[in-house]
Amino acid sequence: MKYWLGKNMKLVRYSDISIFSKIAEPYLTRREAEHNLLLGLLSSLDSGRLDASKAYLAAVHNQDTLLAIVLRTDPTRNVLISCDAPDEVLQMIAEDMMTVDLELRGVTADSSTARAFAEVWQHRTKQPFQRHLAMRIYKLTRVIPPRPVSGHMRAAEADDRTLVTDWVQAFQAEALQEPVDRADAERLAVRFLDEDASAAGIRFWVDDGKVVAQAAYSGRTPNGIRTNLVYTPPELRGKGYASAVVAQLSQEMLDRGRKFCFLFTDLSNPTSNHIYQAIGYEPVNDVDEYRFGERG
């Protein structure tokens, strides 16, 4: 562990994921829907599904009060921050992060925290920043059945690897607004197909023998699980396939004992925000991703 001291505050950097999880999880689960991404990554690191040896793990304490949790899975990823404290805490986080990586890729956090940290980072490093994505977290506790459409849901299997890879790559390029390496898309597809079915998986919607849409689940939290990788090829959109597969997948997760389902949407896509609300997903909070060293 490494310590940074401030007025009545202490930043502690952790190397043991199990110790960090015991500290972070109670703080994060107080607002489980808001922290679903952090909790899902924490679970994956703690279980060994993600390699914790490259992770940056830190917390800011004020005596017995936890003020912030900071996590980055590896140097190619954004730092994720949950912070319930004044800007001085973000200054401490930036100061410590600068000793680890002056070329930090970016930050993802609730809108106000993300912007505040980006400004702190720019002030300290002189790097420009740009908002890359504006997102909203939704939470579902009860499925509202969408209008009926033809077809049925089935689980994706090992033989579907090529199609899943194609659609993962297409989804990420569209959702992340940047090119996605084919090999990276294939690794993610294989992880979903090979994962323990209680932790992750992919569902297809099939109409007249043809796969027409997909949705996935992963990122377990103590009471919930995240819906993601929702994709319909452009030529098949507007037919209700995405609503059907997300609704049935969400109901499957609830039937398995999950109390909630979560998902992220891109606020620039009004269609997806509408269809998710129509089947029972309710807004929780807004999250922004800022990239550093980029100019508009």
Foldseek 3Di string as FASTA:
>chain_A
DDWDDDDLKIKDKDLDLVVLCVVPQVVCVVQCQQCLQVQLVSVCCVVVVAPSRAKTWMWMDRVPRTAKTWIDRHQVDAIEMDGDDDLVVLLVVLVVVCVVDLQRFWYKYFPVVRVSNQVSNCVVNVWHKDWQFKKFKWKFQAWDQDPDDAFDKDFDEPVCLVVQLVLQQVLCCVQRVHHDDSVVSSVVSVCQRVPDPLAKTKMFTAHPNRTFWIKMWHRDHPQEIEIDSTDGPPVRPPRCRSLNRVRVVQVVRVVVRRRMYMYMDGPVDVVVVVSVVNTGIDTDGMMIMMTINDDD
